[in-house]
mmCIF file of all heavy atoms, coordinates in Angstrom:
data_MODEL
# 
_entry.id   MODEL 
# 
loop_
_atom_site.group_PDB 
_atom_site.id 
_atom_site.type_symbol 
_atom_site.label_atom_id 
_atom_site.label_alt_id 
_atom_site.label_comp_id 
_atom_site.label_asym_id 
_atom_site.label_entity_id 
_atom_site.label_seq_id 
_atom_site.pdbx_PDB_ins_code 
_atom_site.Cartn_x 
_atom_site.Cartn_y 
_atom_site.Cartn_z 
_atom_site.occupancy 
_atom_site.B_iso_or_equiv 
_atom_site.pdbx_formal_charge 
_atom_site.auth_seq_id 
_atom_site.auth_comp_id 
_atom_site.auth_asym_id 
_atom_site.auth_atom_id 
_atom_site.pdbx_PDB_model_num 
ATOM 1   N N   . GLU A 1 1  ? 6.139  9.056  0.137   1.00 0.00 ? 1  GLU A N   1 
ATOM 2   C CA  . GLU A 1 1  ? 5.693  7.668  -0.094  1.00 0.00 ? 1  GLU A CA  1 
ATOM 3   C C   . GLU A 1 1  ? 6.220  7.136  -1.391  1.00 0.00 ? 1  GLU A C   1 
ATOM 4   O O   . GLU A 1 1  ? 6.576  5.962  -1.503  1.00 0.00 ? 1  GLU A O   1 
ATOM 5   C CB  . GLU A 1 1  ? 4.144  7.598  -0.066  1.00 0.00 ? 1  GLU A CB  1 
ATOM 6   C CG  . GLU A 1 1  ? 3.551  7.729  1.306   1.00 0.00 ? 1  GLU A CG  1 
ATOM 7   C CD  . GLU A 1 1  ? 3.449  9.188  1.803   1.00 0.00 ? 1  GLU A CD  1 
ATOM 8   O OE1 . GLU A 1 1  ? 3.636  10.131 1.005   1.00 0.00 ? 1  GLU A OE1 1 
ATOM 9   O OE2 . GLU A 1 1  ? 3.203  9.361  3.025   1.00 0.00 ? 1  GLU A OE2 1 
ATOM 10  N N   . GLU A 1 2  ? 6.294  7.970  -2.413  1.00 0.00 ? 2  GLU A N   1 
ATOM 11  C CA  . GLU A 1 2  ? 6.834  7.537  -3.712  1.00 0.00 ? 2  GLU A CA  1 
ATOM 12  C C   . GLU A 1 2  ? 8.322  7.240  -3.600  1.00 0.00 ? 2  GLU A C   1 
ATOM 13  O O   . GLU A 1 2  ? 8.812  6.276  -4.161  1.00 0.00 ? 2  GLU A O   1 
ATOM 14  C CB  . GLU A 1 2  ? 6.584  8.610  -4.780  1.00 0.00 ? 2  GLU A CB  1 
ATOM 15  C CG  . GLU A 1 2  ? 5.133  8.795  -5.117  1.00 0.00 ? 2  GLU A CG  1 
ATOM 16  C CD  . GLU A 1 2  ? 4.497  7.579  -5.715  1.00 0.00 ? 2  GLU A CD  1 
ATOM 17  O OE1 . GLU A 1 2  ? 5.124  6.843  -6.502  1.00 0.00 ? 2  GLU A OE1 1 
ATOM 18  O OE2 . GLU A 1 2  ? 3.322  7.305  -5.373  1.00 0.00 ? 2  GLU A OE2 1 
ATOM 19  N N   . VAL A 1 3  ? 9.043  8.076  -2.832  1.00 0.00 ? 3  VAL A N   1 
ATOM 20  C CA  . VAL A 1 3  ? 10.472 7.856  -2.610  1.00 0.00 ? 3  VAL A CA  1 
ATOM 21  C C   . VAL A 1 3  ? 10.669 6.494  -1.941  1.00 0.00 ? 3  VAL A C   1 
ATOM 22  O O   . VAL A 1 3  ? 11.521 5.713  -2.331  1.00 0.00 ? 3  VAL A O   1 
ATOM 23  C CB  . VAL A 1 3  ? 11.106 8.993  -1.788  1.00 0.00 ? 3  VAL A CB  1 
ATOM 24  C CG1 . VAL A 1 3  ? 12.522 8.669  -1.355  1.00 0.00 ? 3  VAL A CG1 1 
ATOM 25  C CG2 . VAL A 1 3  ? 11.051 10.311 -2.588  1.00 0.00 ? 3  VAL A CG2 1 
ATOM 26  N N   . MET A 1 4  ? 9.904  6.252  -0.898  1.00 0.00 ? 4  MET A N   1 
ATOM 27  C CA  . MET A 1 4  ? 10.040 4.969  -0.147  1.00 0.00 ? 4  MET A CA  1 
ATOM 28  C C   . MET A 1 4  ? 9.662  3.785  -1.034  1.00 0.00 ? 4  MET A C   1 
ATOM 29  O O   . MET A 1 4  ? 10.333 2.762  -0.938  1.00 0.00 ? 4  MET A O   1 
ATOM 30  C CB  . MET A 1 4  ? 9.180  5.012  1.124   1.00 0.00 ? 4  MET A CB  1 
ATOM 31  C CG  . MET A 1 4  ? 9.747  5.985  2.150   1.00 0.00 ? 4  MET A CG  1 
ATOM 32  S SD  . MET A 1 4  ? 8.851  5.991  3.704   1.00 0.00 ? 4  MET A SD  1 
ATOM 33  C CE  . MET A 1 4  ? 7.383  6.920  3.270   1.00 0.00 ? 4  MET A CE  1 
ATOM 34  N N   . LYS A 1 5  ? 8.647  3.929  -1.894  1.00 0.00 ? 5  LYS A N   1 
ATOM 35  C CA  . LYS A 1 5  ? 8.276  2.829  -2.769  1.00 0.00 ? 5  LYS A CA  1 
ATOM 36  C C   . LYS A 1 5  ? 9.391  2.475  -3.729  1.00 0.00 ? 5  LYS A C   1 
ATOM 37  O O   . LYS A 1 5  ? 9.737  1.301  -3.883  1.00 0.00 ? 5  LYS A O   1 
ATOM 38  C CB  . LYS A 1 5  ? 6.999  3.211  -3.533  1.00 0.00 ? 5  LYS A CB  1 
ATOM 39  C CG  . LYS A 1 5  ? 6.538  2.100  -4.509  1.00 0.00 ? 5  LYS A CG  1 
ATOM 40  C CD  . LYS A 1 5  ? 5.205  2.446  -5.101  1.00 0.00 ? 5  LYS A CD  1 
ATOM 41  C CE  . LYS A 1 5  ? 5.394  3.024  -6.480  1.00 0.00 ? 5  LYS A CE  1 
ATOM 42  N NZ  . LYS A 1 5  ? 4.137  3.255  -7.194  1.00 0.00 ? 5  LYS A NZ  1 
ATOM 43  N N   . ILE A 1 6  ? 9.970  3.462  -4.377  1.00 0.00 ? 6  ILE A N   1 
ATOM 44  C CA  . ILE A 1 6  ? 11.025 3.204  -5.341  1.00 0.00 ? 6  ILE A CA  1 
ATOM 45  C C   . ILE A 1 6  ? 12.258 2.666  -4.645  1.00 0.00 ? 6  ILE A C   1 
ATOM 46  O O   . ILE A 1 6  ? 12.910 1.728  -5.137  1.00 0.00 ? 6  ILE A O   1 
ATOM 47  C CB  . ILE A 1 6  ? 11.338 4.465  -6.182  1.00 0.00 ? 6  ILE A CB  1 
ATOM 48  C CG1 . ILE A 1 6  ? 10.099 4.919  -6.930  1.00 0.00 ? 6  ILE A CG1 1 
ATOM 49  C CG2 . ILE A 1 6  ? 12.515 4.213  -7.123  1.00 0.00 ? 6  ILE A CG2 1 
ATOM 50  C CD1 . ILE A 1 6  ? 9.422  3.851  -7.758  1.00 0.00 ? 6  ILE A CD1 1 
ATOM 51  N N   . ASN A 1 7  ? 12.603 3.231  -3.488  1.00 0.00 ? 7  ASN A N   1 
ATOM 52  C CA  . ASN A 1 7  ? 13.742 2.725  -2.770  1.00 0.00 ? 7  ASN A CA  1 
ATOM 53  C C   . ASN A 1 7  ? 13.564 1.274  -2.372  1.00 0.00 ? 7  ASN A C   1 
ATOM 54  O O   . ASN A 1 7  ? 14.511 0.492  -2.364  1.00 0.00 ? 7  ASN A O   1 
ATOM 55  C CB  . ASN A 1 7  ? 13.988 3.570  -1.482  1.00 0.00 ? 7  ASN A CB  1 
ATOM 56  C CG  . ASN A 1 7  ? 15.171 3.082  -0.716  1.00 0.00 ? 7  ASN A CG  1 
ATOM 57  O OD1 . ASN A 1 7  ? 16.299 3.090  -1.253  1.00 0.00 ? 7  ASN A OD1 1 
ATOM 58  N ND2 . ASN A 1 7  ? 14.976 2.624  0.472   1.00 0.00 ? 7  ASN A ND2 1 
ATOM 59  N N   . GLY A 1 8  ? 12.340 0.852  -2.123  1.00 0.00 ? 8  GLY A N   1 
ATOM 60  C CA  . GLY A 1 8  ? 12.067 -0.522 -1.739  1.00 0.00 ? 8  GLY A CA  1 
ATOM 61  C C   . GLY A 1 8  ? 12.023 -1.514 -2.855  1.00 0.00 ? 8  GLY A C   1 
ATOM 62  O O   . GLY A 1 8  ? 11.971 -2.708 -2.619  1.00 0.00 ? 8  GLY A O   1 
ATOM 63  N N   . THR A 1 9  ? 12.070 -1.047 -4.126  1.00 0.00 ? 9  THR A N   1 
ATOM 64  C CA  . THR A 1 9  ? 11.927 -1.986 -5.236  1.00 0.00 ? 9  THR A CA  1 
ATOM 65  C C   . THR A 1 9  ? 13.093 -2.005 -6.200  1.00 0.00 ? 9  THR A C   1 
ATOM 66  O O   . THR A 1 9  ? 13.326 -3.025 -6.851  1.00 0.00 ? 9  THR A O   1 
ATOM 67  C CB  . THR A 1 9  ? 10.662 -1.703 -6.066  1.00 0.00 ? 9  THR A CB  1 
ATOM 68  O OG1 . THR A 1 9  ? 10.744 -0.405 -6.642  1.00 0.00 ? 9  THR A OG1 1 
ATOM 69  C CG2 . THR A 1 9  ? 9.397  -1.835 -5.212  1.00 0.00 ? 9  THR A CG2 1 
ATOM 70  N N   . TYR A 1 10 ? 13.822 -0.893 -6.362  1.00 0.00 ? 10 TYR A N   1 
ATOM 71  C CA  . TYR A 1 10 ? 14.777 -0.837 -7.482  1.00 0.00 ? 10 TYR A CA  1 
ATOM 72  C C   . TYR A 1 10 ? 15.886 -1.855 -7.395  1.00 0.00 ? 10 TYR A C   1 
ATOM 73  O O   . TYR A 1 10 ? 16.283 -2.397 -8.418  1.00 0.00 ? 10 TYR A O   1 
ATOM 74  C CB  . TYR A 1 10 ? 15.307 0.590  -7.695  1.00 0.00 ? 10 TYR A CB  1 
ATOM 75  C CG  . TYR A 1 10 ? 16.451 1.010  -6.801  1.00 0.00 ? 10 TYR A CG  1 
ATOM 76  C CD1 . TYR A 1 10 ? 17.780 0.818  -7.221  1.00 0.00 ? 10 TYR A CD1 1 
ATOM 77  C CD2 . TYR A 1 10 ? 16.260 1.625  -5.582  1.00 0.00 ? 10 TYR A CD2 1 
ATOM 78  C CE1 . TYR A 1 10 ? 18.834 1.197  -6.421  1.00 0.00 ? 10 TYR A CE1 1 
ATOM 79  C CE2 . TYR A 1 10 ? 17.323 2.033  -4.787  1.00 0.00 ? 10 TYR A CE2 1 
ATOM 80  C CZ  . TYR A 1 10 ? 18.601 1.827  -5.216  1.00 0.00 ? 10 TYR A CZ  1 
ATOM 81  O OH  . TYR A 1 10 ? 19.646 2.232  -4.438  1.00 0.00 ? 10 TYR A OH  1 
ATOM 82  N N   . ARG A 1 11 ? 16.390 -2.175 -6.218  1.00 0.00 ? 11 ARG A N   1 
ATOM 83  C CA  . ARG A 1 11 ? 17.480 -3.141 -6.112  1.00 0.00 ? 11 ARG A CA  1 
ATOM 84  C C   . ARG A 1 11 ? 16.943 -4.576 -6.088  1.00 0.00 ? 11 ARG A C   1 
ATOM 85  O O   . ARG A 1 11 ? 17.331 -5.405 -6.894  1.00 0.00 ? 11 ARG A O   1 
ATOM 86  C CB  . ARG A 1 11 ? 18.276 -2.929 -4.777  1.00 0.00 ? 11 ARG A CB  1 
ATOM 87  C CG  . ARG A 1 11 ? 19.139 -1.704 -4.786  1.00 0.00 ? 11 ARG A CG  1 
ATOM 88  C CD  . ARG A 1 11 ? 19.874 -1.604 -3.428  1.00 0.00 ? 11 ARG A CD  1 
ATOM 89  N NE  . ARG A 1 11 ? 18.916 -1.640 -2.310  1.00 0.00 ? 11 ARG A NE  1 
ATOM 90  C CZ  . ARG A 1 11 ? 18.368 -0.597 -1.726  1.00 0.00 ? 11 ARG A CZ  1 
ATOM 91  N NH1 . ARG A 1 11 ? 18.677 0.601  -2.146  1.00 0.00 ? 11 ARG A NH1 1 
ATOM 92  N NH2 . ARG A 1 11 ? 17.521 -0.736 -0.730  1.00 0.00 ? 11 ARG A NH2 1 
ATOM 93  N N   . ASP A 1 12 ? 16.089 -4.854 -5.138  1.00 0.00 ? 12 ASP A N   1 
ATOM 94  C CA  . ASP A 1 12 ? 15.700 -6.223 -4.848  1.00 0.00 ? 12 ASP A CA  1 
ATOM 95  C C   . ASP A 1 12 ? 14.725 -6.806 -5.868  1.00 0.00 ? 12 ASP A C   1 
ATOM 96  O O   . ASP A 1 12 ? 14.790 -8.001 -6.166  1.00 0.00 ? 12 ASP A O   1 
ATOM 97  C CB  . ASP A 1 12 ? 15.099 -6.326 -3.433  1.00 0.00 ? 12 ASP A CB  1 
ATOM 98  C CG  . ASP A 1 12 ? 16.112 -5.938 -2.370  1.00 0.00 ? 12 ASP A CG  1 
ATOM 99  O OD1 . ASP A 1 12 ? 17.329 -6.131 -2.633  1.00 0.00 ? 12 ASP A OD1 1 
ATOM 100 O OD2 . ASP A 1 12 ? 15.705 -5.429 -1.321  1.00 0.00 ? 12 ASP A OD2 1 
ATOM 101 N N   . ILE A 1 13 ? 13.828 -6.041 -6.369  1.00 0.00 ? 13 ILE A N   1 
ATOM 102 C CA  . ILE A 1 13 ? 12.844 -6.547 -7.320  1.00 0.00 ? 13 ILE A CA  1 
ATOM 103 C C   . ILE A 1 13 ? 13.313 -6.397 -8.770  1.00 0.00 ? 13 ILE A C   1 
ATOM 104 O O   . ILE A 1 13 ? 13.148 -7.309 -9.571  1.00 0.00 ? 13 ILE A O   1 
ATOM 105 C CB  . ILE A 1 13 ? 11.471 -5.885 -7.113  1.00 0.00 ? 13 ILE A CB  1 
ATOM 106 C CG1 . ILE A 1 13 ? 10.928 -6.313 -5.747  1.00 0.00 ? 13 ILE A CG1 1 
ATOM 107 C CG2 . ILE A 1 13 ? 10.506 -6.221 -8.240  1.00 0.00 ? 13 ILE A CG2 1 
ATOM 108 C CD1 . ILE A 1 13 ? 9.597  -5.702 -5.361  1.00 0.00 ? 13 ILE A CD1 1 
ATOM 109 N N   . HIS A 1 14 ? 13.926 -5.251 -9.083  1.00 0.00 ? 14 HIS A N   1 
ATOM 110 C CA  . HIS A 1 14 ? 14.303 -4.986 -10.475 1.00 0.00 ? 14 HIS A CA  1 
ATOM 111 C C   . HIS A 1 14 ? 15.796 -5.152 -10.779 1.00 0.00 ? 14 HIS A C   1 
ATOM 112 O O   . HIS A 1 14 ? 16.215 -4.937 -11.899 1.00 0.00 ? 14 HIS A O   1 
ATOM 113 C CB  . HIS A 1 14 ? 13.854 -3.557 -10.867 1.00 0.00 ? 14 HIS A CB  1 
ATOM 114 C CG  . HIS A 1 14 ? 12.353 -3.390 -10.760 1.00 0.00 ? 14 HIS A CG  1 
ATOM 115 N ND1 . HIS A 1 14 ? 11.466 -4.055 -11.584 1.00 0.00 ? 14 HIS A ND1 1 
ATOM 116 C CD2 . HIS A 1 14 ? 11.594 -2.635 -9.937  1.00 0.00 ? 14 HIS A CD2 1 
ATOM 117 C CE1 . HIS A 1 14 ? 10.240 -3.699 -11.272 1.00 0.00 ? 14 HIS A CE1 1 
ATOM 118 N NE2 . HIS A 1 14 ? 10.288 -2.844 -10.263 1.00 0.00 ? 14 HIS A NE2 1 
ATOM 119 N N   . ASN A 1 15 ? 16.581 -5.482 -9.769  1.00 0.00 ? 15 ASN A N   1 
ATOM 120 C CA  . ASN A 1 15 ? 18.016 -5.724 -9.925  1.00 0.00 ? 15 ASN A CA  1 
ATOM 121 C C   . ASN A 1 15 ? 18.766 -4.557 -10.573 1.00 0.00 ? 15 ASN A C   1 
ATOM 122 O O   . ASN A 1 15 ? 19.529 -4.736 -11.519 1.00 0.00 ? 15 ASN A O   1 
ATOM 123 C CB  . ASN A 1 15 ? 18.242 -7.008 -10.750 1.00 0.00 ? 15 ASN A CB  1 
ATOM 124 C CG  . ASN A 1 15 ? 17.639 -8.187 -10.058 1.00 0.00 ? 15 ASN A CG  1 
ATOM 125 O OD1 . ASN A 1 15 ? 17.872 -8.423 -8.875  1.00 0.00 ? 15 ASN A OD1 1 
ATOM 126 N ND2 . ASN A 1 15 ? 16.844 -8.950 -10.780 1.00 0.00 ? 15 ASN A ND2 1 
ATOM 127 N N   . CYS A 1 16 ? 18.480 -3.374 -10.095 1.00 0.00 ? 16 CYS A N   1 
ATOM 128 C CA  . CYS A 1 16 ? 19.112 -2.176 -10.618 1.00 0.00 ? 16 CYS A CA  1 
ATOM 129 C C   . CYS A 1 16 ? 20.153 -1.616 -9.627  1.00 0.00 ? 16 CYS A C   1 
ATOM 130 O O   . CYS A 1 16 ? 20.042 -1.846 -8.433  1.00 0.00 ? 16 CYS A O   1 
ATOM 131 C CB  . CYS A 1 16 ? 18.058 -1.078 -10.893 1.00 0.00 ? 16 CYS A CB  1 
ATOM 132 S SG  . CYS A 1 16 ? 16.935 -1.521 -12.220 1.00 0.00 ? 16 CYS A SG  1 
ATOM 133 N N   . VAL A 1 17 ? 21.130 -0.915 -10.138 1.00 0.00 ? 17 VAL A N   1 
ATOM 134 C CA  . VAL A 1 17 ? 22.172 -0.337 -9.277  1.00 0.00 ? 17 VAL A CA  1 
ATOM 135 C C   . VAL A 1 17 ? 21.784 1.077  -8.814  1.00 0.00 ? 17 VAL A C   1 
ATOM 136 O O   . VAL A 1 17 ? 22.382 1.591  -7.893  1.00 0.00 ? 17 VAL A O   1 
ATOM 137 C CB  . VAL A 1 17 ? 23.544 -0.299 -9.939  1.00 0.00 ? 17 VAL A CB  1 
ATOM 138 C CG1 . VAL A 1 17 ? 24.002 -1.707 -10.300 1.00 0.00 ? 17 VAL A CG1 1 
ATOM 139 C CG2 . VAL A 1 17 ? 23.540 0.576  -11.195 1.00 0.00 ? 17 VAL A CG2 1 
ATOM 140 N N   . GLY A 1 18 ? 20.805 1.663  -9.464  1.00 0.00 ? 18 GLY A N   1 
ATOM 141 C CA  . GLY A 1 18 ? 20.355 2.991  -9.086  1.00 0.00 ? 18 GLY A CA  1 
ATOM 142 C C   . GLY A 1 18 ? 18.964 3.290  -9.633  1.00 0.00 ? 18 GLY A C   1 
ATOM 143 O O   . GLY A 1 18 ? 18.440 2.518  -10.446 1.00 0.00 ? 18 GLY A O   1 
ATOM 144 N N   . ALA A 1 19 ? 18.399 4.366  -9.152  1.00 0.00 ? 19 ALA A N   1 
ATOM 145 C CA  . ALA A 1 19 ? 17.048 4.728  -9.551  1.00 0.00 ? 19 ALA A CA  1 
ATOM 146 C C   . ALA A 1 19 ? 16.855 6.235  -9.479  1.00 0.00 ? 19 ALA A C   1 
ATOM 147 O O   . ALA A 1 19 ? 17.563 6.921  -8.732  1.00 0.00 ? 19 ALA A O   1 
ATOM 148 C CB  . ALA A 1 19 ? 16.019 4.045  -8.674  1.00 0.00 ? 19 ALA A CB  1 
ATOM 149 N N   . ALA A 1 20 ? 15.918 6.717  -10.273 1.00 0.00 ? 20 ALA A N   1 
ATOM 150 C CA  . ALA A 1 20 ? 15.550 8.125  -10.261 1.00 0.00 ? 20 ALA A CA  1 
ATOM 151 C C   . ALA A 1 20 ? 14.034 8.238  -10.376 1.00 0.00 ? 20 ALA A C   1 
ATOM 152 O O   . ALA A 1 20 ? 13.381 7.421  -11.056 1.00 0.00 ? 20 ALA A O   1 
ATOM 153 C CB  . ALA A 1 20 ? 16.217 8.871  -11.403 1.00 0.00 ? 20 ALA A CB  1 
ATOM 154 N N   . ILE A 1 21 ? 13.503 9.257  -9.715  1.00 0.00 ? 21 ILE A N   1 
ATOM 155 C CA  . ILE A 1 21 ? 12.130 9.637  -9.905  1.00 0.00 ? 21 ILE A CA  1 
ATOM 156 C C   . ILE A 1 21 ? 12.163 10.932 -10.688 1.00 0.00 ? 21 ILE A C   1 
ATOM 157 O O   . ILE A 1 21 ? 12.805 11.899 -10.285 1.00 0.00 ? 21 ILE A O   1 
ATOM 158 C CB  . ILE A 1 21 ? 11.371 9.826  -8.571  1.00 0.00 ? 21 ILE A CB  1 
ATOM 159 C CG1 . ILE A 1 21 ? 11.407 8.573  -7.751  1.00 0.00 ? 21 ILE A CG1 1 
ATOM 160 C CG2 . ILE A 1 21 ? 9.932  10.264 -8.839  1.00 0.00 ? 21 ILE A CG2 1 
ATOM 161 C CD1 . ILE A 1 21 ? 10.839 8.700  -6.345  1.00 0.00 ? 21 ILE A CD1 1 
ATOM 162 N N   . ILE A 1 22 ? 11.484 10.940 -11.822 1.00 0.00 ? 22 ILE A N   1 
ATOM 163 C CA  . ILE A 1 22 ? 11.490 12.100 -12.733 1.00 0.00 ? 22 ILE A CA  1 
ATOM 164 C C   . ILE A 1 22 ? 10.070 12.640 -12.779 1.00 0.00 ? 22 ILE A C   1 
ATOM 165 O O   . ILE A 1 22 ? 9.152  11.904 -13.122 1.00 0.00 ? 22 ILE A O   1 
ATOM 166 C CB  . ILE A 1 22 ? 11.978 11.676 -14.126 1.00 0.00 ? 22 ILE A CB  1 
ATOM 167 C CG1 . ILE A 1 22 ? 13.382 11.083 -13.997 1.00 0.00 ? 22 ILE A CG1 1 
ATOM 168 C CG2 . ILE A 1 22 ? 11.944 12.865 -15.069 1.00 0.00 ? 22 ILE A CG2 1 
ATOM 169 C CD1 . ILE A 1 22 ? 13.813 10.333 -15.235 1.00 0.00 ? 22 ILE A CD1 1 
ATOM 170 N N   . THR A 1 23 ? 9.908  13.894 -12.471 1.00 0.00 ? 23 THR A N   1 
ATOM 171 C CA  . THR A 1 23 ? 8.582  14.498 -12.488 1.00 0.00 ? 23 THR A CA  1 
ATOM 172 C C   . THR A 1 23 ? 8.567  15.786 -13.287 1.00 0.00 ? 23 THR A C   1 
ATOM 173 O O   . THR A 1 23 ? 9.578  16.466 -13.387 1.00 0.00 ? 23 THR A O   1 
ATOM 174 C CB  . THR A 1 23 ? 8.076  14.766 -11.040 1.00 0.00 ? 23 THR A CB  1 
ATOM 175 O OG1 . THR A 1 23 ? 6.738  15.263 -11.108 1.00 0.00 ? 23 THR A OG1 1 
ATOM 176 C CG2 . THR A 1 23 ? 8.947  15.757 -10.272 1.00 0.00 ? 23 THR A CG2 1 
ATOM 177 N N   . THR A 1 24 ? 7.415  16.103 -13.785 1.00 0.00 ? 24 THR A N   1 
ATOM 178 C CA  . THR A 1 24 ? 7.211  17.380 -14.475 1.00 0.00 ? 24 THR A CA  1 
ATOM 179 C C   . THR A 1 24 ? 6.961  18.485 -13.462 1.00 0.00 ? 24 THR A C   1 
ATOM 180 O O   . THR A 1 24 ? 6.988  19.661 -13.805 1.00 0.00 ? 24 THR A O   1 
ATOM 181 C CB  . THR A 1 24 ? 6.028  17.303 -15.428 1.00 0.00 ? 24 THR A CB  1 
ATOM 182 O OG1 . THR A 1 24 ? 4.869  16.799 -14.695 1.00 0.00 ? 24 THR A OG1 1 
ATOM 183 C CG2 . THR A 1 24 ? 6.334  16.397 -16.616 1.00 0.00 ? 24 THR A CG2 1 
ATOM 184 N N   . SER A 1 25 ? 6.717  18.128 -12.206 1.00 0.00 ? 25 SER A N   1 
ATOM 185 C CA  . SER A 1 25 ? 6.394  19.108 -11.174 1.00 0.00 ? 25 SER A CA  1 
ATOM 186 C C   . SER A 1 25 ? 7.566  19.244 -10.188 1.00 0.00 ? 25 SER A C   1 
ATOM 187 O O   . SER A 1 25 ? 8.659  19.652 -10.592 1.00 0.00 ? 25 SER A O   1 
ATOM 188 C CB  . SER A 1 25 ? 5.097  18.762 -10.475 1.00 0.00 ? 25 SER A CB  1 
ATOM 189 O OG  . SER A 1 25 ? 5.202  17.517 -9.792  1.00 0.00 ? 25 SER A OG  1 
ATOM 190 N N   . ALA A 1 26 ? 7.363  18.915 -8.944  1.00 0.00 ? 26 ALA A N   1 
ATOM 191 C CA  . ALA A 1 26 ? 8.366  19.085 -7.906  1.00 0.00 ? 26 ALA A CA  1 
ATOM 192 C C   . ALA A 1 26 ? 8.165  17.995 -6.842  1.00 0.00 ? 26 ALA A C   1 
ATOM 193 O O   . ALA A 1 26 ? 7.231  17.199 -6.925  1.00 0.00 ? 26 ALA A O   1 
ATOM 194 C CB  . ALA A 1 26 ? 8.254  20.466 -7.277  1.00 0.00 ? 26 ALA A CB  1 
ATOM 195 N N   . PHE A 1 27 ? 9.017  18.006 -5.823  1.00 0.00 ? 27 PHE A N   1 
ATOM 196 C CA  . PHE A 1 27 ? 8.957  17.082 -4.733  1.00 0.00 ? 27 PHE A CA  1 
ATOM 197 C C   . PHE A 1 27 ? 8.589  17.822 -3.450  1.00 0.00 ? 27 PHE A C   1 
ATOM 198 O O   . PHE A 1 27 ? 8.986  18.975 -3.283  1.00 0.00 ? 27 PHE A O   1 
ATOM 199 C CB  . PHE A 1 27 ? 10.321 16.372 -4.553  1.00 0.00 ? 27 PHE A CB  1 
ATOM 200 C CG  . PHE A 1 27 ? 10.653 15.516 -5.699  1.00 0.00 ? 27 PHE A CG  1 
ATOM 201 C CD1 . PHE A 1 27 ? 11.350 16.015 -6.797  1.00 0.00 ? 27 PHE A CD1 1 
ATOM 202 C CD2 . PHE A 1 27 ? 10.279 14.171 -5.756  1.00 0.00 ? 27 PHE A CD2 1 
ATOM 203 C CE1 . PHE A 1 27 ? 11.675 15.231 -7.899  1.00 0.00 ? 27 PHE A CE1 1 
ATOM 204 C CE2 . PHE A 1 27 ? 10.585 13.371 -6.823  1.00 0.00 ? 27 PHE A CE2 1 
ATOM 205 C CZ  . PHE A 1 27 ? 11.270 13.898 -7.906  1.00 0.00 ? 27 PHE A CZ  1 
# 
């Protein structure tokens, strides 16, 4: 769900060319 959320916002809402999810744990 977190992956889908970030994928849905990084380009269209934040005008970014790429994105990363950084965690202290794992996926």
